[in-house]
Structure formats: C-alpha cells, structure tokens
C-alpha cells in the first residue's frame, strides 16, 4: 500500500520547512523537502557599497550571524587584497567557534532531544529520565543548556560588542583591540563552560574522551563508569540505540567542509594570518578524500522557484531571480541545489569529522555508514575539539602583542569570496564589485547544501536521500522522519515555529 504524508510546518527547526514523504508498506520510497519562505537577501545587496554586507548579511540568521559576518569580511579581504593580522584572525576565530558552541547545545537539547520525550517512547526504561532531562523548556538539561550557552555568548559581546548581528569584523581585521583583562574574562567564561561540558555532557574530562578512537572504544567508554552512563552523552547514546537512530538517515555518503579556523602562527610576520587550520576543508565521496576547490561548486535551480539559465552555475555567475510557478511544473522549493563536481554533499559536524579523518567517526563510517545517530553524536562531541582551540587562540592573543587591523587601501579585485565553517557546516559568500558597488552577491548556506531539492538529473538533496528507506512505525506520528531531518540541524530562516500542544 502506498500513501503520501505531508509534514508542514515541521516544528523545532529554524524556518519554514515542509517535508513530503511517500510510503510503501510504511517504508519511505521517496521524499521531498521544500523551503517555503522567500527572503531575498542576495538581491538586497545589489547596488550597495561593498561594506554594507558587513551590516546586512549577519541578519540572515539570529543563530549564526557571526559566521555570516566572518564570510562577508573574508570576501572583502580578498576583494581589497589585504592580509589579516594574526591577532585579528584569532579574535575572529574565537567568536566564530564560540558561536559554534552555543549552537551545538541549543540544537541538541532544545531541538533534537525533545523528540525522545514523545509518548511513543513511554514504554522504554529510560523514558522517565529523558522527560526529566529534555522536556521542552522544562527539562533539567534543557535549562542548563540555555543558561550555559547564554553565558558563553558573553565572549562575543566582549570582543564584538553585541550578539547577534554584530559588525566588528572589517576588511583588514577587527574594529577594536581587546585588552588582556577582556581576554582573561573570555578565558574565564570559556573555562566555566568547559567544566559544565565535562561534568554534565561528557561525564569525563576532555583527555579521556579524546582517547575514544573507535566504535569499540565508545562501547567500552560508556560501560566504564556511572558518570559516563548518566551524562547527557551517555543518555543520548543509550536512548538513540533504543530508537534505532543508527539504522536510519544514511543519505548519499558525500561530505563537504570548508575547514575550521586556524590556530598556529607559521611565521613571526604579524601582517599575515599564517595559520595551520584546525580541520582542513575537503570533499569526501566514495570513501575517498580530496581537497576542496570552490571553483567546483555550482548551484542548480531546476527544481527551485528561481528563473533558470538552463545550466548549473558557479556562484560568481549565478543569479537569484524569483520565479514562483506553484505546482504546475518541477519547482517545489525556495532552496537552491548546491553541488560539488555535480554531486550533492552533506555538510555539518559529521562532515567535519569525516574530512578531518577523526578516527572514531571514520571507524563508524566504514563499519555502519552515516546515520542520524552519527550526525548528532558528532554535534555533541565537537566541543571536545573546539574548546581547546578557543583556549589556544585566547592564550596566543594574550601572550604576544600585535596588530588587529591593517588599512585595506585601494580596491584591487572585482571578485571576492569568503568560505567559513559555520555551526551547521560549509558557508560561502561570493561578491562581485564594479565601480565601487556590489553588482552580484551570492550565498550558499549549510542548510542550502543539506536541504537542497532535486537537481536537473533528478538526484535528491542530502536529507531527501537520507529519508529514503526509513521505516515509519506510526505514519500518524512519523517520529523517524523528525529524527532524520533534525539530525541535520535545519535552518531555513529565523521565523515563527509551530508546536503541537496536544
């Protein structure tokens, strides 16, 4: 028996999202993801002064506005042909990674884990504990996550003046030089967050967690002590196994990452970033890793509500001309379809882990393949890498004097692009400037990669493909669909969410 189910609006995601699935004997045989709201930020930029993007584009999102500012500033660094001083790069990196920390735990505890409190799971032995911890806005871990992520965001306020929607990054650096007192305050806030993360989320110190290198190590780790079992990570691992999250959400198995911010000074020249990246950018497909070249990125709009040139285009050539046709042709989403060498690619914490050759996640991928479980696991443990990186950036900035800004001088390039690793994955801004005005501005967000519709060849986007093959136990309450989609951390636009109060 075949039936079609529409989930609209999908709650506890950021933005307006419609998921349509086709079931045969309660197994998903086809899926369609539609972003149903048009905003037009790319078109806002045309005709404006080059620096206007530093104010406008951070307002694309209220969760990852620092990442958009970083991408916009990096694109203008290229446009003005200016090298960012190390100290300015450290400040940019500290704030970007701090934003990553707040996003990961707000997503996990406020958006993903509440699905485990659904009454469909009330027969599970851990259910009562899960409700105590993750009931929306009331669970103990939810409240802690809200408090701790609020406090850690003070780092961005100290270095950037405000959060969200700050504009402290400019071509050539940042607008102010933090004092050592301010940097020490940031170190204090980070250390408090680290203590909460180790005690509450991991149930062990960072060094112990980093020794977990394989799936077998993970099984041994969770059995090792009561603190591991009763940590938030321990509860997630145990309940996710009961919910079968390791069996759903495979997808294409292609991953893309633009790489995490750098940390080390390669030379004593203070006029260059000169950094070794924390994780490198790359593309992973067919179990092979290759370097990432932005020239291989294109956008397909054959199934998107935008006018089409007939072929996929690189962002420097792309346009965003709305063309809403309704349901009379192939188009069904306001999301475009980014492709790398013509292939769809998943991005986010799991992609970072795979492309940086993290041994735990490589072992899982080789043994079991991608899954909803593995995506959320990557998000919960990414902080074990990010926290030491932020510590090191702060320490470097305190220990040596240096510049935080270099005058960018005259315009030298008509093109500029900024590629950063945002909380949800690969984020890129591409700008073309003519006669000191923006002539084109194109943005590919992480959710554009993950939520892309089909392309001209009919190939599904990453989470459309990840839904195929999912067995839905109760089509009237398709929790499995929610688990898979939310494991990607959707963010289509910041707007009103819906919640079922029954």
Protein backbone atom coordinates (compact mmCIF):
# COMPACT_ATOMS: atom_id res chain seq x y z
CA UNK A 1 0.00 0.00 0.00
CA UNK A 2 1.32 3.44 -0.97
CA UNK A 3 0.45 6.64 0.83
CA UNK A 4 1.73 10.21 0.93
CA UNK A 5 2.33 12.21 4.13
CA UNK A 6 2.99 15.95 4.41
CA UNK A 7 4.65 17.37 7.50
CA UNK A 8 4.10 21.12 7.45
CA UNK A 9 5.20 23.10 9.21
CA UNK A 10 7.87 20.89 10.76
CA UNK A 11 8.33 22.21 14.28
CA UNK A 12 11.55 22.67 16.22
CA UNK A 13 13.54 23.63 13.16
CA UNK A 14 14.60 27.16 12.28
CA UNK A 15 12.46 28.45 9.47
CA UNK A 16 9.60 27.28 7.30
CA UNK A 17 10.07 23.66 6.23
CA UNK A 18 7.71 21.24 4.53
CA UNK A 19 8.58 17.56 4.23
CA UNK A 20 6.58 15.29 1.93
CA UNK A 21 7.22 11.57 2.02
CA UNK A 22 5.81 8.67 0.05
CA UNK A 23 5.42 5.41 1.95
CA UNK A 24 5.08 1.88 0.68
CA UNK A 25 4.35 -0.64 3.42
CA UNK A 26 5.44 2.05 5.90
CA UNK A 27 8.90 2.47 4.32
CA UNK A 28 9.87 5.78 2.70
CA UNK A 29 10.34 5.28 -1.03
CA UNK A 30 10.53 8.96 -1.96
CA UNK A 31 10.93 12.28 -0.17
CA UNK A 32 10.72 15.97 -0.99
CA UNK A 33 11.99 18.89 1.09
CA UNK A 34 10.57 22.36 0.48
CA UNK A 35 11.72 25.65 1.94
CA UNK A 36 8.51 27.65 1.77
CA UNK A 37 9.61 31.21 2.54
CA UNK A 38 11.45 33.67 0.28
CA UNK A 39 13.53 36.48 1.81
CA UNK A 40 15.84 37.76 -0.93
CA UNK A 41 18.94 38.84 0.99
CA UNK A 42 21.17 38.33 -2.05
CA UNK A 43 19.11 40.80 -4.02
CA UNK A 44 19.17 43.33 -1.15
CA UNK A 45 22.90 43.64 -1.70
CA UNK A 46 22.96 44.61 -5.38
CA UNK A 47 23.81 48.29 -5.91
CA UNK A 48 25.06 48.82 -2.36
CA UNK A 49 28.51 49.87 -1.17
CA UNK A 50 30.93 46.97 -0.59
CA UNK A 51 30.99 47.37 3.20
CA UNK A 52 27.20 47.20 3.52
CA UNK A 53 27.39 43.41 3.57
CA UNK A 54 29.05 43.59 6.99
CA UNK A 55 25.83 45.02 8.41
CA UNK A 56 23.18 43.32 6.29
CA UNK A 57 24.30 39.71 5.87
CA UNK A 58 24.71 38.93 9.62
CA UNK A 59 20.96 39.46 9.83
CA UNK A 60 20.32 36.45 7.63
CA UNK A 61 20.33 34.34 10.79
CA UNK A 62 19.91 35.01 14.50
CA UNK A 63 21.92 31.94 15.49
CA UNK A 64 24.98 32.03 13.21
CA UNK A 65 25.25 35.75 12.48
CA UNK A 66 28.95 35.78 13.43
CA UNK A 67 29.63 33.16 10.75
CA UNK A 68 27.90 35.28 8.11
CA UNK A 69 29.92 38.30 9.24
CA UNK A 70 33.11 36.22 9.02
CA UNK A 71 32.28 35.07 5.48
CA UNK A 72 31.33 38.60 4.38
CA UNK A 73 34.52 40.10 5.85
CA UNK A 74 36.66 37.34 4.31
CA UNK A 75 35.16 38.01 0.88
CA UNK A 76 36.07 41.68 1.27
CA UNK A 77 39.58 40.76 2.48
CA UNK A 78 40.01 39.10 -0.92
CA UNK A 79 38.36 41.99 -2.75
CA UNK A 80 40.67 44.55 -1.15
CA UNK A 81 43.65 42.17 -1.37
CA UNK A 82 44.50 42.62 2.31
CA UNK A 83 46.15 40.17 4.71
CA UNK A 84 44.52 39.93 8.11
CA UNK A 85 46.91 40.19 11.10
CA UNK A 86 47.20 37.11 13.31
CA UNK A 87 45.64 38.78 16.34
CA UNK A 88 42.61 39.86 14.32
CA UNK A 89 42.29 36.33 12.96
CA UNK A 90 42.37 34.93 16.50
CA UNK A 91 39.55 37.26 17.56
CA UNK A 92 37.51 36.25 14.52
CA UNK A 93 38.15 32.59 15.28
CA UNK A 94 37.35 32.89 18.99
CA UNK A 95 33.98 34.44 18.25
CA UNK A 96 33.13 32.06 15.39
CA UNK A 97 33.93 28.98 17.47
CA UNK A 98 32.08 30.39 20.49
CA UNK A 99 29.00 30.73 18.31
CA UNK A 100 29.52 27.12 17.25
CA UNK A 101 29.47 26.01 20.90
CA UNK A 102 26.18 27.76 21.65
CA UNK A 103 24.55 26.38 18.52
CA UNK A 104 25.54 22.76 19.08
CA UNK A 105 23.98 22.53 22.53
CA UNK A 106 20.91 24.60 21.81
CA UNK A 107 20.26 22.33 18.84
CA UNK A 108 20.88 19.14 20.81
CA UNK A 109 18.92 19.98 23.95
CA UNK A 110 16.22 22.33 22.67
CA UNK A 111 15.51 20.92 19.21
CA UNK A 112 16.69 17.32 18.87
CA UNK A 113 16.42 15.61 22.26
CA UNK A 114 12.79 16.62 22.97
CA UNK A 115 11.71 14.05 20.38
CA UNK A 116 12.85 11.40 22.87
CA UNK A 117 10.13 12.62 25.25
CA UNK A 118 7.34 11.78 22.82
CA UNK A 119 4.78 9.40 24.34
CA UNK A 120 5.57 6.92 21.58
CA UNK A 121 8.62 6.02 23.68
CA UNK A 122 6.91 5.86 27.06
CA UNK A 123 7.42 2.10 27.36
CA UNK A 124 11.20 2.47 27.18
CA UNK A 125 13.01 2.04 30.54
CA UNK A 126 14.88 5.35 30.16
CA UNK A 127 11.78 7.33 29.20
CA UNK A 128 11.09 8.92 32.61
CA UNK A 129 14.69 10.11 32.88
CA UNK A 130 14.56 11.52 29.35
CA UNK A 131 11.44 13.53 30.20
CA UNK A 132 13.10 14.92 33.33
CA UNK A 133 16.11 15.99 31.30
CA UNK A 134 14.71 17.03 27.91
CA UNK A 135 11.07 18.07 28.26
CA UNK A 136 10.80 21.28 26.19
CA UNK A 137 11.81 24.34 28.23
CA UNK A 138 11.39 22.41 31.50
CA UNK A 139 13.91 19.57 31.48
CA UNK A 140 16.95 19.93 33.72
CA UNK A 141 19.45 19.56 30.87
CA UNK A 142 17.44 21.92 28.69
CA UNK A 143 17.53 24.63 31.36
CA UNK A 144 21.25 24.13 31.91
CA UNK A 145 21.93 24.35 28.18
CA UNK A 146 20.00 27.63 27.94
CA UNK A 147 21.95 29.11 30.87
CA UNK A 148 25.37 27.88 29.77
CA UNK A 149 25.01 28.93 26.13
CA UNK A 150 23.78 32.35 27.22
CA UNK A 151 26.88 32.80 29.36
CA UNK A 152 29.36 31.62 26.73
CA UNK A 153 27.94 34.17 24.27
CA UNK A 154 29.31 36.91 26.52
CA UNK A 155 32.65 36.20 24.82
CA UNK A 156 31.26 37.53 21.55
CA UNK A 157 29.79 40.55 23.33
CA UNK A 158 33.17 41.33 24.90
CA UNK A 159 35.11 41.04 21.64
CA UNK A 160 32.42 42.08 19.16
CA UNK A 161 30.22 44.50 21.08
CA UNK A 162 26.98 42.52 20.81
CA UNK A 163 25.39 39.25 19.77
CA UNK A 164 23.63 38.52 17.48
CA UNK A 165 24.11 40.72 14.42
CA UNK A 166 27.42 42.31 15.33
CA UNK A 167 29.61 44.04 12.72
CA UNK A 168 33.05 44.12 14.35
CA UNK A 169 34.91 42.33 11.54
CA UNK A 170 36.04 44.55 8.68
CA UNK A 171 38.34 44.01 5.70
CA UNK A 172 41.80 44.03 7.19
CA UNK A 173 40.89 42.81 10.67
CA UNK A 174 38.57 43.82 13.51
CA UNK A 175 37.46 47.23 14.73
CA UNK A 176 38.88 47.19 18.28
CA UNK A 177 41.85 45.85 20.21
CA UNK A 178 40.79 43.82 23.27
CA UNK A 179 42.74 44.37 26.47
CA UNK A 180 44.31 41.49 28.35
CA UNK A 181 41.65 41.98 31.02
CA UNK A 182 38.96 41.40 28.39
CA UNK A 183 40.76 38.36 27.00
CA UNK A 184 41.19 36.95 30.50
CA UNK A 185 37.48 37.44 31.06
CA UNK A 186 36.87 35.41 27.90
CA UNK A 187 39.19 32.69 29.22
CA UNK A 188 37.24 32.61 32.49
CA UNK A 189 33.90 32.26 30.70
CA UNK A 190 35.28 29.51 28.48
CA UNK A 191 36.69 27.60 31.45
CA UNK A 192 33.32 27.67 33.19
CA UNK A 193 31.67 26.33 30.04
CA UNK A 194 34.33 23.63 29.79
CA UNK A 195 33.65 22.49 33.34
CA UNK A 196 29.92 22.21 32.62
CA UNK A 197 30.61 20.33 29.39
CA UNK A 198 32.95 17.84 31.03
CA UNK A 199 30.74 17.27 34.07
CA UNK A 200 27.26 17.33 32.54
CA UNK A 201 27.57 16.45 28.87
CA UNK A 202 30.57 14.12 28.66
CA UNK A 203 30.82 12.79 32.21
CA UNK A 204 34.61 12.82 31.86
CA UNK A 205 37.43 15.22 31.08
CA UNK A 206 38.40 16.11 27.53
CA UNK A 207 41.53 13.99 27.63
CA UNK A 208 39.57 10.85 28.49
CA UNK A 209 37.06 11.49 25.71
CA UNK A 210 39.78 12.12 23.13
CA UNK A 211 41.12 8.63 23.83
CA UNK A 212 37.90 7.21 22.33
CA UNK A 213 39.16 6.32 18.85
CA UNK A 214 36.87 3.53 17.61
CA UNK A 215 33.33 2.19 17.90
CA UNK A 216 34.68 -0.48 20.23
CA UNK A 217 36.28 2.24 22.37
CA UNK A 218 32.92 4.01 22.58
CA UNK A 219 31.21 0.84 23.79
CA UNK A 220 33.92 0.36 26.41
CA UNK A 221 33.75 4.03 27.42
CA UNK A 222 30.03 4.02 28.16
CA UNK A 223 30.38 0.89 30.30
CA UNK A 224 33.41 2.24 32.12
CA UNK A 225 31.68 4.32 34.80
CA UNK A 226 28.37 5.51 36.15
CA UNK A 227 29.25 9.11 35.25
CA UNK A 228 29.56 8.12 31.60
CA UNK A 229 26.24 6.28 31.66
CA UNK A 230 24.41 9.18 33.29
CA UNK A 231 25.99 12.02 31.33
CA UNK A 232 23.91 13.65 28.61
CA UNK A 233 26.11 11.93 26.06
CA UNK A 234 25.55 8.60 27.77
CA UNK A 235 21.79 9.04 27.81
CA UNK A 236 21.82 10.05 24.14
CA UNK A 237 23.87 7.02 23.09
CA UNK A 238 21.70 4.58 25.04
CA UNK A 239 18.34 6.03 24.02
CA UNK A 240 19.37 6.54 20.39
CA UNK A 241 20.18 2.82 20.24
CA UNK A 242 16.69 2.01 21.56
CA UNK A 243 15.15 4.37 18.98
CA UNK A 244 17.17 2.78 16.18
CA UNK A 245 18.85 6.03 15.06
CA UNK A 246 21.92 4.12 13.90
CA UNK A 247 19.75 2.38 11.27
CA UNK A 248 18.21 5.46 9.63
CA UNK A 249 19.36 8.55 7.75
CA UNK A 250 22.20 7.21 5.61
CA UNK A 251 21.98 9.56 2.62
CA UNK A 252 24.43 9.78 -0.29
CA UNK A 253 27.59 9.43 1.78
CA UNK A 254 29.15 12.57 0.22
CA UNK A 255 30.55 15.21 2.60
CA UNK A 256 31.88 18.74 2.18
CA UNK A 257 33.63 21.02 4.65
CA UNK A 258 35.34 24.39 4.26
CA UNK A 259 37.55 23.73 7.28
CA UNK A 260 37.74 25.14 10.78
CA UNK A 261 39.64 28.32 11.70
CA UNK A 262 43.42 28.16 12.03
CA UNK A 263 45.39 28.35 15.24
CA UNK A 264 49.14 28.49 14.82
CA UNK A 265 51.46 31.22 13.59
CA UNK A 266 53.69 29.88 10.84
CA UNK A 267 55.97 32.89 10.88
CA UNK A 268 56.59 35.94 13.03
CA UNK A 269 55.14 38.25 10.40
CA UNK A 270 52.20 39.95 12.08
CA UNK A 271 50.74 41.14 8.78
CA UNK A 272 49.62 37.70 7.63
CA UNK A 273 47.17 35.19 9.03
CA UNK A 274 49.74 32.42 8.51
CA UNK A 275 47.68 29.71 10.20
CA UNK A 276 47.50 25.95 10.24
CA UNK A 277 43.79 25.02 10.15
CA UNK A 278 42.20 23.10 12.98
CA UNK A 279 40.47 20.96 10.37
CA UNK A 280 41.09 21.20 6.66
CA UNK A 281 38.44 21.72 4.06
CA UNK A 282 37.74 18.91 1.67
CA UNK A 283 35.29 16.73 -0.20
CA UNK A 284 34.62 13.09 0.67
CA UNK A 285 32.90 10.73 -1.75
CA UNK A 286 33.09 7.02 -2.48
CA UNK A 287 35.31 6.62 0.61
CA UNK A 288 37.91 8.95 -0.89
CA UNK A 289 39.00 12.33 0.40
CA UNK A 290 40.09 15.14 -1.91
CA UNK A 291 41.00 18.78 -1.39
CA UNK A 292 38.22 21.33 -1.77
CA UNK A 293 38.29 23.86 -4.62
CA UNK A 294 35.50 26.43 -4.64
CA UNK A 295 35.64 26.54 -8.43
CA UNK A 296 33.92 23.13 -8.44
CA UNK A 297 30.82 24.49 -6.64
CA UNK A 298 27.69 25.14 -8.68
CA UNK A 299 24.02 25.79 -7.97
CA UNK A 300 21.17 24.10 -9.81
CA UNK A 301 17.73 25.74 -9.80
CA UNK A 302 15.81 23.30 -12.00
CA UNK A 303 13.56 22.38 -9.06
CA UNK A 304 13.74 25.73 -7.24
CA UNK A 305 11.45 28.74 -7.56
CA UNK A 306 14.10 30.79 -9.39
CA UNK A 307 14.50 31.68 -13.03
CA UNK A 308 16.95 29.32 -14.68
CA UNK A 309 19.65 29.89 -17.29
CA UNK A 310 19.30 26.25 -18.26
CA UNK A 311 22.56 25.08 -16.67
CA UNK A 312 24.08 24.90 -13.19
CA UNK A 313 26.21 27.94 -12.45
CA UNK A 314 29.08 28.87 -10.18
CA UNK A 315 28.04 31.47 -7.56
CA UNK A 316 30.04 34.19 -9.33
CA UNK A 317 27.79 33.70 -12.36
CA UNK A 318 24.59 32.81 -10.51
CA UNK A 319 21.52 34.99 -10.03
CA UNK A 320 18.58 34.83 -7.61
CA UNK A 321 15.57 35.89 -9.68
CA UNK A 322 12.35 34.65 -8.02
CA UNK A 323 10.12 32.66 -10.33
CA UNK A 324 7.26 31.17 -8.33
CA UNK A 325 5.36 28.76 -10.54
CA UNK A 326 3.22 26.98 -7.99
CA UNK A 327 2.71 23.27 -8.56
CA UNK A 328 2.33 23.22 -12.33
CA UNK A 329 5.98 22.29 -13.05
CA UNK A 330 9.03 20.71 -11.40
CA UNK A 331 9.80 23.51 -8.96
CA UNK A 332 8.91 22.98 -5.30
CA UNK A 333 11.32 24.86 -3.02
CA UNK A 334 12.89 28.25 -2.37
CA UNK A 335 16.13 26.41 -1.64
CA UNK A 336 18.59 26.02 -4.48
CA UNK A 337 20.57 22.83 -5.10
CA UNK A 338 24.31 23.33 -4.49
CA UNK A 339 26.52 20.65 -6.00
CA UNK A 340 30.23 19.87 -5.84
CA UNK A 341 31.54 18.46 -9.12
CA UNK A 342 27.89 17.87 -9.91
CA UNK A 343 27.24 15.83 -6.75
CA UNK A 344 25.08 16.61 -3.71
CA UNK A 345 27.07 16.83 -0.48
CA UNK A 346 26.17 16.79 3.19
CA UNK A 347 27.78 19.34 5.49
CA UNK A 348 27.91 19.90 9.24
CA UNK A 349 29.71 18.42 12.27
CA UNK A 350 29.76 14.89 10.83
CA UNK A 351 31.26 16.16 7.58
CA UNK A 352 33.96 17.97 9.59
CA UNK A 353 34.79 14.79 11.49
CA UNK A 354 34.99 12.68 8.34
CA UNK A 355 37.05 15.17 6.32
CA UNK A 356 39.45 15.79 9.23
CA UNK A 357 39.88 11.98 9.46
CA UNK A 358 38.67 11.76 13.04
CA UNK A 359 39.35 8.09 13.84
CA UNK A 360 36.13 7.48 15.79
CA UNK A 361 33.91 8.73 13.01
CA UNK A 362 35.94 7.16 10.23
CA UNK A 363 35.57 3.83 12.04
CA UNK A 364 31.80 4.29 12.30
CA UNK A 365 31.51 5.31 8.64
CA UNK A 366 33.47 2.26 7.50
CA UNK A 367 31.52 -0.13 9.73
CA UNK A 368 27.97 1.24 9.59
CA UNK A 369 27.86 4.21 7.21
CA UNK A 370 26.30 7.61 8.02
CA UNK A 371 23.20 7.79 10.21
CA UNK A 372 21.02 10.13 12.23
CA UNK A 373 22.82 8.83 15.33
CA UNK A 374 26.26 9.63 13.96
CA UNK A 375 25.30 13.19 12.95
CA UNK A 376 24.02 14.03 16.40
CA UNK A 377 26.95 12.30 18.10
CA UNK A 378 29.32 14.49 16.08
CA UNK A 379 27.44 17.59 17.22
CA UNK A 380 27.55 16.59 20.89
CA UNK A 381 31.29 15.86 20.92
CA UNK A 382 32.56 18.59 18.59
CA UNK A 383 33.11 20.81 21.64
CA UNK A 384 35.87 18.47 22.79
CA UNK A 385 37.89 19.78 19.84
CA UNK A 386 36.55 23.34 19.71
CA UNK A 387 37.10 24.24 23.38
CA UNK A 388 40.88 23.59 23.31
CA UNK A 389 41.05 25.53 20.02
CA UNK A 390 39.39 28.58 21.57
CA UNK A 391 41.65 28.27 24.63
CA UNK A 392 44.69 28.34 22.38
CA UNK A 393 43.51 31.36 20.40
CA UNK A 394 42.90 33.31 23.63
CA UNK A 395 46.28 32.28 25.03
CA UNK A 396 48.06 33.35 21.83
CA UNK A 397 46.33 36.73 21.83
CA UNK A 398 47.26 37.37 25.48
CA UNK A 399 50.87 36.20 25.25
CA UNK A 400 52.08 38.37 22.36
CA UNK A 401 51.40 41.98 21.33
CA UNK A 402 50.26 42.54 17.79
CA UNK A 403 48.05 44.33 15.29
CA UNK A 404 44.30 43.89 15.00
CA UNK A 405 43.77 45.88 11.79
CA UNK A 406 45.60 46.77 8.58
CA UNK A 407 44.28 49.51 6.30
CA UNK A 408 42.94 47.76 3.23
CA UNK A 409 43.90 50.57 0.85
CA UNK A 410 42.60 50.69 -2.69
CA UNK A 411 40.35 48.14 -4.35
CA UNK A 412 42.34 45.62 -6.39
CA UNK A 413 39.98 42.72 -7.15
CA UNK A 414 36.49 42.76 -8.60
CA UNK A 415 35.76 39.35 -7.11
CA UNK A 416 35.92 38.06 -3.58
CA UNK A 417 34.69 35.01 -1.75
CA UNK A 418 34.67 34.04 1.91
CA UNK A 419 34.42 30.39 2.90
CA UNK A 420 33.97 29.55 6.58
CA UNK A 421 32.81 26.61 8.62
CA UNK A 422 29.62 27.78 10.32
CA UNK A 423 27.89 25.85 13.13
CA UNK A 424 25.81 23.92 10.59
CA UNK A 425 28.62 23.43 8.09
CA UNK A 426 30.05 24.96 4.93
CA UNK A 427 29.05 28.61 4.41
CA UNK A 428 30.16 30.69 1.44
CA UNK A 429 29.70 34.31 0.32
CA UNK A 430 30.64 35.31 -3.24
CA UNK A 431 30.69 39.02 -4.15
CA UNK A 432 31.31 40.87 -7.43
CA UNK A 433 32.05 44.59 -7.24
CA UNK A 434 32.03 47.08 -10.09
CA UNK A 435 32.50 50.86 -9.88
CA UNK A 436 32.68 50.53 -6.08
CA UNK A 437 29.21 49.00 -5.92
CA UNK A 438 28.09 45.41 -5.44
CA UNK A 439 26.95 44.02 -8.78
CA UNK A 440 26.28 40.47 -7.56
CA UNK A 441 26.12 38.73 -4.18
CA UNK A 442 25.52 35.01 -3.81
CA UNK A 443 25.36 32.99 -0.60
CA UNK A 444 25.33 29.24 -0.08
CA UNK A 445 24.39 28.32 3.46
CA UNK A 446 24.92 24.93 5.12
CA UNK A 447 21.19 24.22 5.00
CA UNK A 448 21.19 25.00 1.27
CA UNK A 449 23.58 22.05 0.88
CA UNK A 450 21.59 19.75 3.17
CA UNK A 451 18.04 20.80 2.26
CA UNK A 452 18.58 21.11 -1.46
CA UNK A 453 15.82 19.89 -3.75
CA UNK A 454 16.48 17.64 -6.73
CA UNK A 455 18.83 18.79 -9.47
CA UNK A 456 18.35 18.63 -13.25
CA UNK A 457 19.31 14.94 -13.20
CA UNK A 458 16.61 14.20 -10.63
CA UNK A 459 19.16 13.47 -7.88
CA UNK A 460 17.73 14.18 -4.43
CA UNK A 461 19.32 16.55 -1.94
CA UNK A 462 21.14 15.12 1.12
CA UNK A 463 18.31 14.87 3.62
CA UNK A 464 15.78 13.92 0.96
CA UNK A 465 18.03 10.96 0.18
CA UNK A 466 18.62 10.27 3.89
CA UNK A 467 14.86 9.82 4.39
CA UNK A 468 14.56 7.14 1.70
CA UNK A 469 14.49 3.64 3.20
CA UNK A 470 13.33 4.85 6.62
CA UNK A 471 10.72 2.60 8.21
CA UNK A 472 7.96 4.60 9.90
CA UNK A 473 6.38 2.72 12.78
CA UNK A 474 3.38 5.03 13.07
CA UNK A 475 2.54 7.13 9.99
CA UNK A 476 0.24 9.25 12.16
CA UNK A 477 3.26 10.22 14.27
CA UNK A 478 6.31 9.83 11.99
CA UNK A 479 8.99 10.37 14.62
CA UNK A 480 11.63 8.68 12.50
CA UNK A 481 11.25 11.42 9.88
CA UNK A 482 11.77 14.07 12.55
CA UNK A 483 14.87 12.30 13.85
CA UNK A 484 16.49 12.17 10.42
CA UNK A 485 15.72 15.73 9.36
CA UNK A 486 16.61 17.25 12.73
CA UNK A 487 19.93 15.39 12.76
CA UNK A 488 20.99 17.82 10.00
CA UNK A 489 20.08 20.84 12.21
CA UNK A 490 17.82 22.59 9.65
CA UNK A 491 17.88 26.38 9.44
CA UNK A 492 15.81 27.69 6.54
CA UNK A 493 15.08 31.09 8.07
CA UNK A 494 14.55 32.50 11.56
CA UNK A 495 10.78 32.85 11.93
CA UNK A 496 7.80 31.58 13.91
CA UNK A 497 7.86 27.89 14.90
CA UNK A 498 4.87 25.68 15.48
CA UNK A 499 4.33 23.30 18.37
CA UNK A 500 1.73 20.64 18.97
CA UNK A 501 0.19 21.30 22.40
CA UNK A 502 -1.97 18.19 22.48
